[in-house]
Amino acid sequence: MKKNEKSEGVLYRKYRPQIFGDVVGQEHIIKVLQGAVSLGNISHAYLFSGSRGTGKTSLARILARAIGTSPNDMTEMDAASNRGIDDVREIRDSVNTLPFESKYKVYIIDEVHMLTRDAWNAFLKTLEEPPAHVVFIMATTELEKVPETVISRCQTFTFKSPNLSILKDFALTIAKKEGATLEPSAAELVALLGDGSFRDAHGILEKVLSSANDPEGKQVSNGAGKKITREMIEIVSGAPKAELVADILSAIVEKDLQKGMKAIQSAGEANADMKLFAKLILERLRFLFLLRLKAGMDDHISKQISEDDFKYLKGLAAKAGPDLTAETLFKFIEAYENSGRTSIPELALEIAFADSIKQV
């Protein structure tokens, strides 16, 4: 009855956490669950909520194993594709049979918010009074769509999205395990592209590790001995080149309208994702703003980016005047939010950049 057939990359499956100690960035949840397992204080229903790729399903499987449930007594269902009343009735009927070889039968239901209203109604009675040998572990990316009557009957845990620092260290660790060397600037870009998702970061690394050639065309082996540069990540992901981001920043500081517009045009001609371009600009523009303010953030910023990038931003900050303000950041935040809303991909960034030059 295993119904969960999600598409997962090779690396994601290979390095999926197997025990509590493997889980990264969810210490607040791990501590509670480990304590419950050690005390034998197992709830009949858990609800894991959080954005995609944060480890909800992985931790559900870990918890199931930790309470001694064998694969024969574990059922997984993806509610995105098995969301109807018949699917829930199948579960409702099966909970009454005893486990084959474990103390508990565990039902892991992913994307549980996708269940239909009729399915929820059919499921609620079972959730209210489950047999003592049954544990439900539900996962959702949209907690607000789960009925309150369900939430109130579960122990609910909110998963945190990994920040850039966690994802950067994660990328470096996975690359090392694969026998590759990931340059710090490349790891930083993987973290940004991962966008708070371990799964997405895995996917980016898998693409670059499985590519046969480096940017100069030199043949390399898969993973082993491979040196991964930021340029290689840019190529496999379609991310705008770092030089274009630097050109935008220097154009803002130097009030050089032509230079900035040319950088946006170059990104457009390279078919770069403009929303991603805006995100990369915002990340660097924030650092530049903090360095100009002399806000005591130098150590923090230096840990987030490569040494060369830090030196570049530090030098640029020294040239920036007091007219580089939070208003400049807000203009690019609007550009990020508005990217993709018109038939002209470059337009939002062009407006933000022009306004920032006009402002200063």
Protein backbone atom coordinates (compact mmCIF):
# COMPACT_ATOMS: atom_id res chain seq x y z
CA MET A 1 0.00 0.00 0.00
CA LYS A 2 2.96 2.34 -0.39
CA LYS A 3 1.65 5.13 -2.54
CA ASN A 4 4.28 7.84 -2.27
CA GLU A 5 6.27 7.97 -5.50
CA LYS A 6 7.79 11.44 -5.41
CA SER A 7 10.51 12.29 -7.88
CA GLU A 8 13.77 12.56 -5.97
CA GLY A 9 17.30 12.95 -7.26
CA VAL A 10 20.07 10.43 -6.73
CA LEU A 11 21.93 12.62 -4.25
CA TYR A 12 18.78 13.40 -2.31
CA ARG A 13 18.05 9.70 -1.85
CA LYS A 14 21.70 8.88 -1.16
CA TYR A 15 22.09 11.44 1.62
CA ARG A 16 18.56 11.42 3.02
CA PRO A 17 18.83 11.52 6.86
CA GLN A 18 18.46 8.08 8.42
CA ILE A 19 18.63 8.89 12.14
CA PHE A 20 17.81 11.91 14.30
CA GLY A 21 21.47 12.93 14.38
CA ASP A 22 21.55 13.29 10.58
CA VAL A 23 18.85 15.96 10.51
CA VAL A 24 20.14 19.49 9.94
CA GLY A 25 18.49 22.72 11.06
CA GLN A 26 15.53 21.25 12.99
CA GLU A 27 17.07 20.87 16.43
CA HIS A 28 13.98 22.30 18.14
CA ILE A 29 11.93 19.38 16.79
CA ILE A 30 14.55 16.66 17.19
CA LYS A 31 14.96 17.39 20.89
CA VAL A 32 11.24 16.97 21.57
CA LEU A 33 10.84 13.82 19.48
CA GLN A 34 13.92 12.14 20.93
CA GLY A 35 12.62 12.85 24.43
CA ALA A 36 9.21 11.41 23.57
CA VAL A 37 10.74 8.25 22.10
CA SER A 38 13.03 7.70 25.10
CA LEU A 39 10.11 8.09 27.49
CA GLY A 40 7.77 5.99 25.35
CA ASN A 41 5.40 8.94 25.21
CA ILE A 42 4.22 8.48 21.63
CA SER A 43 1.34 10.55 20.30
CA HIS A 44 -1.28 8.99 18.05
CA ALA A 45 -0.95 11.82 15.52
CA TYR A 46 1.80 14.23 14.44
CA LEU A 47 1.54 17.09 11.97
CA PHE A 48 4.74 18.39 10.36
CA SER A 49 4.40 21.71 8.55
CA GLY A 50 6.96 23.73 6.64
CA SER A 51 8.15 24.67 3.18
CA ARG A 52 9.22 22.07 0.63
CA GLY A 53 12.55 20.32 1.00
CA THR A 54 12.98 20.95 4.72
CA GLY A 55 12.96 17.28 5.72
CA LYS A 56 9.39 16.64 6.86
CA THR A 57 8.98 13.25 5.18
CA SER A 58 12.52 12.19 6.08
CA LEU A 59 11.90 12.94 9.74
CA ALA A 60 8.56 11.13 9.59
CA ARG A 61 10.38 7.98 8.45
CA ILE A 62 13.05 8.44 11.11
CA LEU A 63 10.40 8.77 13.82
CA ALA A 64 8.64 5.66 12.54
CA ARG A 65 11.87 3.66 12.70
CA ALA A 66 12.74 5.11 16.11
CA ILE A 67 9.53 3.70 17.62
CA GLY A 68 10.38 0.30 16.17
CA THR A 69 8.16 0.20 13.10
CA SER A 70 9.37 -2.09 10.32
CA PRO A 71 8.85 -1.34 6.61
CA ASN A 72 6.05 -3.93 6.54
CA ASP A 73 4.10 -1.90 9.07
CA MET A 74 4.74 1.50 7.53
CA THR A 75 2.38 2.97 4.92
CA GLU A 76 3.10 6.11 2.93
CA MET A 77 0.56 8.03 0.91
CA ASP A 78 0.97 11.18 -1.15
CA ALA A 79 -2.32 13.04 -0.72
CA ALA A 80 -1.54 15.18 -3.78
CA SER A 81 -2.36 12.18 -5.98
CA ASN A 82 -4.39 10.03 -3.55
CA ARG A 83 -6.76 12.59 -2.09
CA GLY A 84 -10.21 11.09 -2.36
CA ILE A 85 -12.57 9.41 0.05
CA ASP A 86 -11.75 5.91 -1.28
CA ASP A 87 -8.07 6.38 -0.41
CA VAL A 88 -8.95 7.43 3.14
CA ARG A 89 -11.43 4.57 3.50
CA GLU A 90 -8.63 2.16 2.61
CA ILE A 91 -6.60 3.57 5.50
CA ARG A 92 -9.62 3.59 7.81
CA ASP A 93 -10.24 -0.10 7.12
CA SER A 94 -6.61 -1.13 7.48
CA VAL A 95 -5.97 0.51 10.86
CA ASN A 96 -8.09 -2.15 12.56
CA THR A 97 -5.67 -4.94 11.69
CA LEU A 98 -2.75 -5.47 14.03
CA PRO A 99 0.86 -4.77 12.94
CA PHE A 100 2.69 -7.66 11.28
CA GLU A 101 5.90 -7.45 13.32
CA SER A 102 6.00 -4.11 15.13
CA LYS A 103 4.41 -2.42 18.12
CA TYR A 104 2.99 0.32 15.92
CA LYS A 105 1.53 0.68 12.46
CA VAL A 106 2.61 4.07 11.09
CA TYR A 107 0.79 5.96 8.37
CA ILE A 108 2.77 8.78 6.74
CA ILE A 109 0.54 11.09 4.70
CA ASP A 110 2.41 13.71 2.67
CA GLU A 111 0.80 16.93 1.38
CA VAL A 112 -2.14 16.15 3.64
CA HIS A 113 -3.77 19.52 2.94
CA MET A 114 -4.69 18.17 -0.51
CA LEU A 115 -7.34 15.80 0.86
CA THR A 116 -10.88 16.58 -0.25
CA ARG A 117 -13.56 17.67 2.19
CA ASP A 118 -15.24 14.26 2.01
CA ALA A 119 -11.90 12.58 2.62
CA TRP A 120 -11.30 14.75 5.69
CA ASN A 121 -14.75 13.91 7.04
CA ALA A 122 -14.10 10.21 6.57
CA PHE A 123 -10.65 10.51 8.17
CA LEU A 124 -11.64 12.61 11.18
CA LYS A 125 -13.40 9.82 13.10
CA THR A 126 -10.34 7.58 12.77
CA LEU A 127 -8.08 10.42 13.86
CA GLU A 128 -10.26 11.08 16.92
CA GLU A 129 -10.26 7.49 18.14
CA PRO A 130 -7.44 5.52 16.52
CA PRO A 131 -6.50 2.05 17.74
CA ALA A 132 -3.66 2.07 20.28
CA HIS A 133 -1.26 0.50 17.77
CA VAL A 134 -1.69 3.26 15.14
CA VAL A 135 0.38 6.42 14.67
CA PHE A 136 -0.35 9.00 11.99
CA ILE A 137 2.41 11.33 10.79
CA MET A 138 1.11 13.96 8.40
CA ALA A 139 3.15 16.51 6.47
CA THR A 140 2.03 19.71 4.77
CA THR A 141 3.46 22.76 3.06
CA GLU A 142 0.21 24.65 3.61
CA LEU A 143 -0.88 24.38 7.23
CA GLU A 144 -3.60 27.00 6.76
CA LYS A 145 -5.48 24.53 4.51
CA VAL A 146 -5.60 21.82 7.18
CA PRO A 147 -8.90 21.87 9.14
CA GLU A 148 -8.64 23.16 12.70
CA THR A 149 -10.42 20.03 13.90
CA VAL A 150 -7.45 18.03 12.59
CA ILE A 151 -4.74 20.36 13.89
CA SER A 152 -6.25 20.26 17.40
CA ARG A 153 -5.90 16.47 17.47
CA CYS A 154 -2.22 16.42 16.51
CA GLN A 155 1.12 17.30 17.96
CA THR A 156 2.16 20.02 15.51
CA PHE A 157 5.75 20.88 14.60
CA THR A 158 6.84 23.73 12.34
CA PHE A 159 9.96 23.07 10.27
CA LYS A 160 12.35 25.94 9.70
CA SER A 161 13.69 26.68 6.25
CA PRO A 162 17.50 26.45 6.31
CA ASN A 163 19.21 29.82 6.09
CA LEU A 164 22.01 30.62 3.64
CA SER A 165 24.74 29.69 6.10
CA ILE A 166 23.23 26.24 6.80
CA LEU A 167 22.66 25.54 3.09
CA LYS A 168 26.17 26.69 2.21
CA ASP A 169 27.74 24.33 4.78
CA PHE A 170 25.37 21.60 3.62
CA ALA A 171 26.48 22.03 -0.01
CA LEU A 172 30.16 21.96 0.96
CA THR A 173 29.61 18.77 2.99
CA ILE A 174 27.75 16.92 0.22
CA ALA A 175 30.32 17.92 -2.40
CA LYS A 176 33.13 16.69 -0.15
CA LYS A 177 31.37 13.35 0.36
CA GLU A 178 31.18 13.04 -3.43
CA GLY A 179 34.93 13.62 -3.69
CA ALA A 180 34.53 17.09 -5.22
CA THR A 181 35.83 20.49 -4.15
CA LEU A 182 33.19 23.21 -4.06
CA GLU A 183 34.59 26.73 -4.16
CA PRO A 184 33.14 29.02 -1.44
CA SER A 185 31.53 31.32 -4.00
CA ALA A 186 29.99 28.29 -5.72
CA ALA A 187 28.64 27.01 -2.39
CA GLU A 188 27.15 30.44 -1.75
CA LEU A 189 25.34 30.36 -5.09
CA VAL A 190 24.04 26.84 -4.44
CA ALA A 191 22.66 28.10 -1.11
CA LEU A 192 20.93 31.03 -2.80
CA LEU A 193 19.50 28.85 -5.55
CA GLY A 194 18.41 26.27 -2.98
CA ASP A 195 15.99 28.90 -1.68
CA GLY A 196 15.50 27.31 1.72
CA SER A 197 15.25 23.75 0.41
CA PHE A 198 17.74 20.95 1.02
CA ARG A 199 16.14 19.03 -1.85
CA ASP A 200 16.71 21.87 -4.32
CA ALA A 201 20.31 22.30 -3.19
CA HIS A 202 20.82 18.56 -3.78
CA GLY A 203 19.36 18.92 -7.26
CA ILE A 204 21.73 21.73 -8.25
CA LEU A 205 24.76 19.81 -7.00
CA GLU A 206 23.61 16.69 -8.81
CA LYS A 207 23.41 18.58 -12.11
CA VAL A 208 26.91 19.98 -11.86
CA LEU A 209 28.47 16.76 -10.53
CA SER A 210 26.96 14.71 -13.35
CA SER A 211 28.07 17.11 -16.09
CA ALA A 212 30.89 15.69 -18.18
CA ASN A 213 32.88 18.85 -18.83
CA ASP A 214 34.05 21.93 -17.00
CA PRO A 215 33.47 25.42 -18.50
CA GLU A 216 36.70 25.14 -20.56
CA GLY A 217 35.65 21.83 -22.08
CA LYS A 218 38.12 19.72 -20.14
CA GLN A 219 36.88 16.21 -19.49
CA VAL A 220 36.31 15.40 -15.84
CA SER A 221 35.01 12.41 -13.95
CA ASN A 222 31.66 12.42 -12.20
CA GLY A 223 32.23 13.88 -8.75
CA ALA A 224 35.59 12.43 -7.86
CA GLY A 225 38.38 14.98 -8.01
CA LYS A 226 36.14 17.59 -9.55
CA LYS A 227 36.59 21.26 -8.71
CA ILE A 228 33.29 23.09 -8.85
CA THR A 229 33.43 26.80 -9.56
CA ARG A 230 30.70 29.43 -9.38
CA GLU A 231 30.79 29.61 -13.17
CA MET A 232 29.92 25.92 -13.40
CA ILE A 233 26.92 26.45 -11.12
CA GLU A 234 25.85 29.42 -13.25
CA ILE A 235 26.01 27.29 -16.40
CA VAL A 236 23.93 24.37 -15.11
CA SER A 237 21.38 26.58 -13.32
CA GLY A 238 21.09 29.41 -15.82
CA ALA A 239 21.91 31.91 -13.07
CA PRO A 240 23.14 35.37 -14.16
CA LYS A 241 26.90 35.79 -14.09
CA ALA A 242 28.41 37.25 -10.93
CA GLU A 243 30.04 39.98 -13.01
CA LEU A 244 26.61 41.34 -13.99
CA VAL A 245 25.56 41.59 -10.35
CA ALA A 246 28.82 43.41 -9.58
CA ASP A 247 28.19 45.76 -12.51
CA ILE A 248 24.78 46.71 -11.11
CA LEU A 249 26.22 47.46 -7.68
CA SER A 250 29.09 49.55 -9.01
CA ALA A 251 26.70 51.36 -11.37
CA ILE A 252 24.50 52.33 -8.40
CA VAL A 253 27.48 53.64 -6.45
CA GLU A 254 29.00 55.39 -9.48
CA LYS A 255 25.59 56.65 -10.69
CA ASP A 256 26.38 55.13 -14.09
CA LEU A 257 23.05 54.64 -15.84
CA GLN A 258 24.49 53.13 -19.03
CA LYS A 259 26.60 50.58 -17.19
CA GLY A 260 23.66 49.30 -15.16
CA MET A 261 21.26 49.16 -18.08
CA LYS A 262 23.84 47.30 -20.14
CA ALA A 263 24.20 44.70 -17.35
CA ILE A 264 20.43 44.15 -17.28
CA GLN A 265 20.36 43.89 -21.07
CA SER A 266 23.21 41.36 -21.03
CA ALA A 267 21.35 39.23 -18.49
CA GLY A 268 18.24 39.37 -20.66
CA GLU A 269 20.14 38.39 -23.80
CA ALA A 270 21.58 35.42 -21.91
CA ASN A 271 18.00 34.40 -21.08
CA ALA A 272 18.72 34.69 -17.36
CA ASP A 273 15.91 34.37 -14.83
CA MET A 274 15.19 38.01 -13.92
CA LYS A 275 13.64 37.15 -10.58
CA LEU A 276 16.78 35.26 -9.65
CA PHE A 277 18.89 38.16 -10.96
CA ALA A 278 16.94 40.53 -8.67
CA LYS A 279 17.46 38.15 -5.76
CA LEU A 280 21.21 37.99 -6.31
CA ILE A 281 21.38 41.80 -6.58
CA LEU A 282 19.36 42.21 -3.38
CA GLU A 283 21.60 39.84 -1.44
CA ARG A 284 24.74 41.77 -2.42
CA LEU A 285 23.07 45.18 -2.16
CA ARG A 286 22.08 44.40 1.43
CA PHE A 287 25.67 43.57 2.31
CA LEU A 288 26.88 46.74 0.57
CA PHE A 289 24.34 48.83 2.49
CA LEU A 290 25.36 47.32 5.85
CA LEU A 291 29.05 47.83 5.11
CA ARG A 292 28.44 51.45 4.16
CA LEU A 293 26.56 52.01 7.42
CA LYS A 294 29.49 50.51 9.36
CA ALA A 295 26.91 48.60 11.32
CA GLY A 296 29.38 46.18 12.89
CA MET A 297 28.34 43.40 10.50
CA ASP A 298 31.72 42.86 8.84
CA ASP A 299 32.46 39.52 10.51
CA HIS A 300 28.98 38.20 9.74
CA ILE A 301 29.15 39.27 6.08
CA SER A 302 32.67 37.91 5.59
CA LYS A 303 31.41 34.45 6.63
CA GLN A 304 28.60 34.56 4.08
CA ILE A 305 30.66 35.33 0.97
CA SER A 306 34.07 34.62 -0.50
CA GLU A 307 37.13 36.62 0.56
CA ASP A 308 37.43 38.26 -2.86
CA ASP A 309 33.75 39.26 -2.87
CA PHE A 310 34.07 40.70 0.63
CA LYS A 311 37.07 42.81 -0.38
CA TYR A 312 35.20 44.03 -3.45
CA LEU A 313 32.13 45.04 -1.44
CA LYS A 314 34.26 46.65 1.24
CA GLY A 315 36.00 48.79 -1.37
CA LEU A 316 32.71 49.69 -3.02
CA ALA A 317 31.19 50.62 0.34
CA ALA A 318 34.03 53.06 0.94
CA LYS A 319 33.07 54.85 -2.30
CA ALA A 320 29.35 54.89 -1.59
CA GLY A 321 27.87 58.05 -0.21
CA PRO A 322 25.07 58.55 2.33
CA ASP A 323 22.60 58.62 -0.55
CA LEU A 324 22.82 54.80 -0.73
CA THR A 325 19.86 54.27 1.59
CA ALA A 326 17.26 51.72 2.55
CA GLU A 327 15.08 53.25 -0.16
CA THR A 328 17.43 51.77 -2.73
CA LEU A 329 16.90 48.32 -1.24
CA PHE A 330 13.13 48.79 -1.23
CA LYS A 331 13.18 49.57 -4.95
CA PHE A 332 14.91 46.28 -5.71
CA ILE A 333 12.62 44.40 -3.33
CA GLU A 334 9.73 45.70 -5.45
CA ALA A 335 11.59 44.62 -8.58
CA TYR A 336 12.01 41.12 -7.16
CA GLU A 337 8.32 40.91 -6.26
CA ASN A 338 7.22 42.28 -9.65
CA SER A 339 9.55 40.16 -11.79
CA GLY A 340 7.59 38.03 -14.22
CA ARG A 341 4.42 40.10 -14.00
CA THR A 342 4.86 41.68 -17.43
CA SER A 343 5.70 40.39 -20.88
CA ILE A 344 9.04 42.25 -20.64
CA PRO A 345 11.22 40.28 -18.18
CA GLU A 346 13.78 43.07 -17.73
CA LEU A 347 11.28 45.86 -17.05
CA ALA A 348 11.00 45.61 -13.25
CA LEU A 349 14.78 45.69 -12.83
CA GLU A 350 15.18 48.52 -15.31
CA ILE A 351 12.68 50.64 -13.39
CA ALA A 352 14.30 49.85 -10.02
CA PHE A 353 17.76 50.65 -11.29
CA ALA A 354 16.72 53.87 -13.03
CA ASP A 355 14.86 55.01 -9.91
CA SER A 356 17.86 54.24 -7.72
CA ILE A 357 20.11 56.35 -9.96
CA LYS A 358 17.55 59.14 -10.04
CA GLN A 359 17.20 58.94 -6.28
CA VAL A 360 20.91 59.37 -5.66
